[in-house]
Amino acid sequence: MLFGQDRDQIRHFYYDVWRKHQAGEPLEPLETVVRDVILDHPEYQHLLGDPERSLQREYLPDGGETNPFLHMGLHIAIQEQIGTDRPPGIRHLYRRLLARTGDAHEVEHRIMDCLAEMIWRAQRDGSAPDETGYLQCLRRVLG
């Protein structure tokens, strides 16, 4: 992740961005990206205002919970991928889907499923992420 590898460090970054936003303090460019993702997720904003309660909380998928920090982090990763066109071709696929739906947030959610699967497979297999498989997944999403 762009702002740390330690879970607590990453969460503190989100808390700090949200606090700065609410206080009207200036934000660095990466903080602006994070703030915009937070603003797109009002359902998570209460967690960011209560670090003591959410810092150590575990979000377990087998309990049907979504990890809000992971979810927002995937949005940030997708935006970075689109901005840098890495893997090559993702920007074109994103634009095609955006033209069809007209909703950037929804498009990111569709991409997110493919990204999460690619990450999960790489972790499971102890291998590098499969960019080719990722792009194939995105093409299937396009239909």
C-alpha atoms as a PDB file:
ATOM      1  CA  MET A   1       0.000   0.000   0.000  1.00  0.00           C
ATOM      2  CA  LEU A   2       1.211   3.496  -0.660  1.00  0.00           C
ATOM      3  CA  PHE A   3       1.174   4.689   2.937  1.00  0.00           C
ATOM      4  CA  GLY A   4       2.488   1.745   4.949  1.00  0.00           C
ATOM      5  CA  GLN A   5       2.588  -2.005   5.284  1.00  0.00           C
ATOM      6  CA  ASP A   6       1.517  -2.266   8.918  1.00  0.00           C
ATOM      7  CA  ARG A   7      -2.235  -2.572   9.430  1.00  0.00           C
ATOM      8  CA  ASP A   8      -2.340  -0.054  12.273  1.00  0.00           C
ATOM      9  CA  GLN A   9      -0.207   2.411  10.319  1.00  0.00           C
ATOM     10  CA  ILE A  10      -2.544   2.168   7.338  1.00  0.00           C
ATOM     11  CA  ARG A  11      -5.618   2.645   9.503  1.00  0.00           C
ATOM     12  CA  HIS A  12      -4.036   5.647  11.226  1.00  0.00           C
ATOM     13  CA  PHE A  13      -3.460   7.185   7.818  1.00  0.00           C
ATOM     14  CA  TYR A  14      -7.198   6.945   7.089  1.00  0.00           C
ATOM     15  CA  TYR A  15      -8.046   8.382  10.520  1.00  0.00           C
ATOM     16  CA  ASP A  16      -5.627  11.278  10.032  1.00  0.00           C
ATOM     17  CA  VAL A  17      -6.973  12.091   6.572  1.00  0.00           C
ATOM     18  CA  TRP A  18     -10.547  12.074   7.847  1.00  0.00           C
ATOM     19  CA  ARG A  19      -9.651  14.247  10.856  1.00  0.00           C
ATOM     20  CA  LYS A  20      -7.792  16.734   8.629  1.00  0.00           C
ATOM     21  CA  HIS A  21     -10.710  16.850   6.191  1.00  0.00           C
ATOM     22  CA  GLN A  22     -13.221  17.528   8.949  1.00  0.00           C
ATOM     23  CA  ALA A  23     -10.971  20.221  10.429  1.00  0.00           C
ATOM     24  CA  GLY A  24     -10.592  21.889   7.027  1.00  0.00           C
ATOM     25  CA  GLU A  25      -6.829  21.387   7.069  1.00  0.00           C
ATOM     26  CA  PRO A  26      -4.913  21.211   3.780  1.00  0.00           C
ATOM     27  CA  LEU A  27      -4.302  17.763   2.368  1.00  0.00           C
ATOM     28  CA  GLU A  28      -1.376  16.309   0.453  1.00  0.00           C
ATOM     29  CA  PRO A  29      -2.189  14.813  -2.991  1.00  0.00           C
ATOM     30  CA  LEU A  30      -2.407  11.213  -1.706  1.00  0.00           C
ATOM     31  CA  GLU A  31      -4.519  12.384   1.218  1.00  0.00           C
ATOM     32  CA  THR A  32      -6.911  13.997  -1.266  1.00  0.00           C
ATOM     33  CA  VAL A  33      -7.307  10.678  -3.084  1.00  0.00           C
ATOM     34  CA  VAL A  34      -8.010   8.905   0.206  1.00  0.00           C
ATOM     35  CA  ARG A  35     -10.431  11.641   1.304  1.00  0.00           C
ATOM     36  CA  ASP A  36     -12.374  11.299  -1.946  1.00  0.00           C
ATOM     37  CA  VAL A  37     -12.659   7.539  -1.469  1.00  0.00           C
ATOM     38  CA  ILE A  38     -13.846   8.091   2.108  1.00  0.00           C
ATOM     39  CA  LEU A  39     -16.433  10.597   0.890  1.00  0.00           C
ATOM     40  CA  ASP A  40     -17.700   7.970  -1.559  1.00  0.00           C
ATOM     41  CA  HIS A  41     -18.263   5.637   1.418  1.00  0.00           C
ATOM     42  CA  PRO A  42     -20.437   7.362   4.009  1.00  0.00           C
ATOM     43  CA  GLU A  43     -21.131   3.959   5.559  1.00  0.00           C
ATOM     44  CA  TYR A  44     -17.516   3.846   6.803  1.00  0.00           C
ATOM     45  CA  GLN A  45     -17.128   7.428   7.996  1.00  0.00           C
ATOM     46  CA  HIS A  46     -18.316   6.712  11.547  1.00  0.00           C
ATOM     47  CA  LEU A  47     -15.471   4.185  11.924  1.00  0.00           C
ATOM     48  CA  LEU A  48     -12.919   6.794  10.942  1.00  0.00           C
ATOM     49  CA  GLY A  49     -14.195   9.154  13.605  1.00  0.00           C
ATOM     50  CA  ASP A  50     -13.729   6.527  16.326  1.00  0.00           C
ATOM     51  CA  PRO A  51     -10.192   5.085  16.024  1.00  0.00           C
ATOM     52  CA  GLU A  52     -10.232   3.564  19.508  1.00  0.00           C
ATOM     53  CA  ARG A  53     -13.169   1.388  18.549  1.00  0.00           C
ATOM     54  CA  SER A  54     -12.087   0.365  15.041  1.00  0.00           C
ATOM     55  CA  LEU A  55      -8.261   0.257  15.165  1.00  0.00           C
ATOM     56  CA  GLN A  56      -7.974  -3.291  16.521  1.00  0.00           C
ATOM     57  CA  ARG A  57     -11.206  -4.628  15.059  1.00  0.00           C
ATOM     58  CA  GLU A  58     -10.962  -7.690  12.862  1.00  0.00           C
ATOM     59  CA  TYR A  59     -13.270  -7.884   9.866  1.00  0.00           C
ATOM     60  CA  LEU A  60     -13.824 -11.518   9.023  1.00  0.00           C
ATOM     61  CA  PRO A  61     -15.216 -12.445   5.604  1.00  0.00           C
ATOM     62  CA  ASP A  62     -16.533 -15.751   6.906  1.00  0.00           C
ATOM     63  CA  GLY A  63     -18.771 -13.682   9.195  1.00  0.00           C
ATOM     64  CA  GLY A  64     -20.073 -11.783   6.177  1.00  0.00           C
ATOM     65  CA  GLU A  65     -18.179  -8.629   7.076  1.00  0.00           C
ATOM     66  CA  THR A  66     -16.455  -6.322   4.640  1.00  0.00           C
ATOM     67  CA  ASN A  67     -13.193  -4.841   5.827  1.00  0.00           C
ATOM     68  CA  PRO A  68     -13.763  -1.132   5.196  1.00  0.00           C
ATOM     69  CA  PHE A  69     -10.035  -0.347   5.124  1.00  0.00           C
ATOM     70  CA  LEU A  70      -9.359  -3.083   2.585  1.00  0.00           C
ATOM     71  CA  HIS A  71     -12.367  -2.025   0.527  1.00  0.00           C
ATOM     72  CA  MET A  72     -11.258   1.601   0.370  1.00  0.00           C
ATOM     73  CA  GLY A  73      -7.667   0.515  -0.259  1.00  0.00           C
ATOM     74  CA  LEU A  74      -8.782  -1.505  -3.268  1.00  0.00           C
ATOM     75  CA  HIS A  75     -10.523   1.594  -4.661  1.00  0.00           C
ATOM     76  CA  ILE A  76      -7.264   3.513  -4.270  1.00  0.00           C
ATOM     77  CA  ALA A  77      -5.276   0.716  -5.934  1.00  0.00           C
ATOM     78  CA  ILE A  78      -7.695   0.593  -8.860  1.00  0.00           C
ATOM     79  CA  GLN A  79      -7.522   4.358  -9.327  1.00  0.00           C
ATOM     80  CA  GLU A  80      -3.732   4.154  -9.354  1.00  0.00           C
ATOM     81  CA  GLN A  81      -3.824   1.308 -11.882  1.00  0.00           C
ATOM     82  CA  ILE A  82      -6.107   3.294 -14.164  1.00  0.00           C
ATOM     83  CA  GLY A  83      -3.980   6.420 -13.783  1.00  0.00           C
ATOM     84  CA  THR A  84      -0.774   4.597 -14.680  1.00  0.00           C
ATOM     85  CA  ASP A  85      -2.395   2.104 -17.088  1.00  0.00           C
ATOM     86  CA  ARG A  86      -0.777  -0.753 -15.195  1.00  0.00           C
ATOM     87  CA  PRO A  87      -1.351  -3.465 -16.157  1.00  0.00           C
ATOM     88  CA  PRO A  88      -1.313  -2.149 -19.709  1.00  0.00           C
ATOM     89  CA  GLY A  89      -4.837  -2.048 -21.087  1.00  0.00           C
ATOM     90  CA  ILE A  90      -6.708  -1.505 -17.815  1.00  0.00           C
ATOM     91  CA  ARG A  91      -7.372   2.150 -18.584  1.00  0.00           C
ATOM     92  CA  HIS A  92      -9.000   1.221 -21.907  1.00  0.00           C
ATOM     93  CA  LEU A  93     -11.135  -1.478 -20.263  1.00  0.00           C
ATOM     94  CA  TYR A  94     -12.129   0.945 -17.494  1.00  0.00           C
ATOM     95  CA  ARG A  95     -13.160   3.605 -20.000  1.00  0.00           C
ATOM     96  CA  ARG A  96     -15.235   1.117 -21.987  1.00  0.00           C
ATOM     97  CA  LEU A  97     -17.113   0.014 -18.891  1.00  0.00           C
ATOM     98  CA  LEU A  98     -17.491   3.595 -17.678  1.00  0.00           C
ATOM     99  CA  ALA A  99     -18.972   4.589 -21.038  1.00  0.00           C
ATOM    100  CA  ARG A 100     -21.530   1.828 -20.628  1.00  0.00           C
ATOM    101  CA  THR A 101     -22.486   2.479 -17.002  1.00  0.00           C
ATOM    102  CA  GLY A 102     -21.698   6.150 -16.461  1.00  0.00           C
ATOM    103  CA  ASP A 103     -20.859   5.423 -12.808  1.00  0.00           C
ATOM    104  CA  ALA A 104     -17.140   5.426 -11.909  1.00  0.00           C
ATOM    105  CA  HIS A 105     -17.765   4.074  -8.404  1.00  0.00           C
ATOM    106  CA  GLU A 106     -19.764   1.132  -9.738  1.00  0.00           C
ATOM    107  CA  VAL A 107     -17.095   0.396 -12.349  1.00  0.00           C
ATOM    108  CA  GLU A 108     -14.461   0.302  -9.600  1.00  0.00           C
ATOM    109  CA  HIS A 109     -16.625  -2.175  -7.680  1.00  0.00           C
ATOM    110  CA  ARG A 110     -16.792  -4.426 -10.727  1.00  0.00           C
ATOM    111  CA  ILE A 111     -13.022  -4.210 -11.177  1.00  0.00           C
ATOM    112  CA  MET A 112     -12.539  -4.831  -7.461  1.00  0.00           C
ATOM    113  CA  ASP A 113     -13.830  -8.381  -7.683  1.00  0.00           C
ATOM    114  CA  CYS A 114     -11.192  -9.229 -10.296  1.00  0.00           C
ATOM    115  CA  LEU A 115      -8.434  -7.451  -8.370  1.00  0.00           C
ATOM    116  CA  ALA A 116      -9.320  -9.199  -5.112  1.00  0.00           C
ATOM    117  CA  GLU A 117      -9.348 -12.567  -6.878  1.00  0.00           C
ATOM    118  CA  MET A 118      -5.935 -11.897  -8.438  1.00  0.00           C
ATOM    119  CA  ILE A 119      -4.460 -10.921  -5.062  1.00  0.00           C
ATOM    120  CA  TRP A 120      -6.022 -13.926  -3.338  1.00  0.00           C
ATOM    121  CA  ARG A 121      -4.644 -16.336  -5.961  1.00  0.00           C
ATOM    122  CA  ALA A 122      -1.161 -14.833  -5.759  1.00  0.00           C
ATOM    123  CA  GLN A 123      -1.161 -15.125  -1.972  1.00  0.00           C
ATOM    124  CA  ARG A 124      -2.533 -18.645  -2.061  1.00  0.00           C
ATOM    125  CA  ASP A 125       0.001 -19.788  -4.642  1.00  0.00           C
ATOM    126  CA  GLY A 126       2.922 -17.757  -3.295  1.00  0.00           C
ATOM    127  CA  SER A 127       3.390 -16.256  -6.740  1.00  0.00           C
ATOM    128  CA  ALA A 128       3.417 -12.894  -8.460  1.00  0.00           C
ATOM    129  CA  PRO A 129       0.013 -11.445  -9.362  1.00  0.00           C
ATOM    130  CA  ASP A 130      -1.223 -12.709 -12.732  1.00  0.00           C
ATOM    131  CA  GLU A 131      -1.854  -9.542 -14.722  1.00  0.00           C
ATOM    132  CA  THR A 132      -2.954 -11.506 -17.785  1.00  0.00           C
ATOM    133  CA  GLY A 133      -5.579 -13.370 -15.777  1.00  0.00           C
ATOM    134  CA  TYR A 134      -6.645 -10.103 -14.163  1.00  0.00           C
ATOM    135  CA  LEU A 135      -7.234  -8.468 -17.553  1.00  0.00           C
ATOM    136  CA  GLN A 136      -9.101 -11.566 -18.765  1.00  0.00           C
ATOM    137  CA  CYS A 137     -11.356 -11.310 -15.724  1.00  0.00           C
ATOM    138  CA  LEU A 138     -11.988  -7.640 -16.518  1.00  0.00           C
ATOM    139  CA  ARG A 139     -12.882  -8.520 -20.108  1.00  0.00           C
ATOM    140  CA  ARG A 140     -15.435 -11.033 -18.800  1.00  0.00           C
ATOM    141  CA  VAL A 141     -16.895  -8.277 -16.612  1.00  0.00           C
ATOM    142  CA  LEU A 142     -17.322  -6.195 -19.753  1.00  0.00           C
ATOM    143  CA  GLY A 143     -19.403  -8.989 -21.211  1.00  0.00           C
END
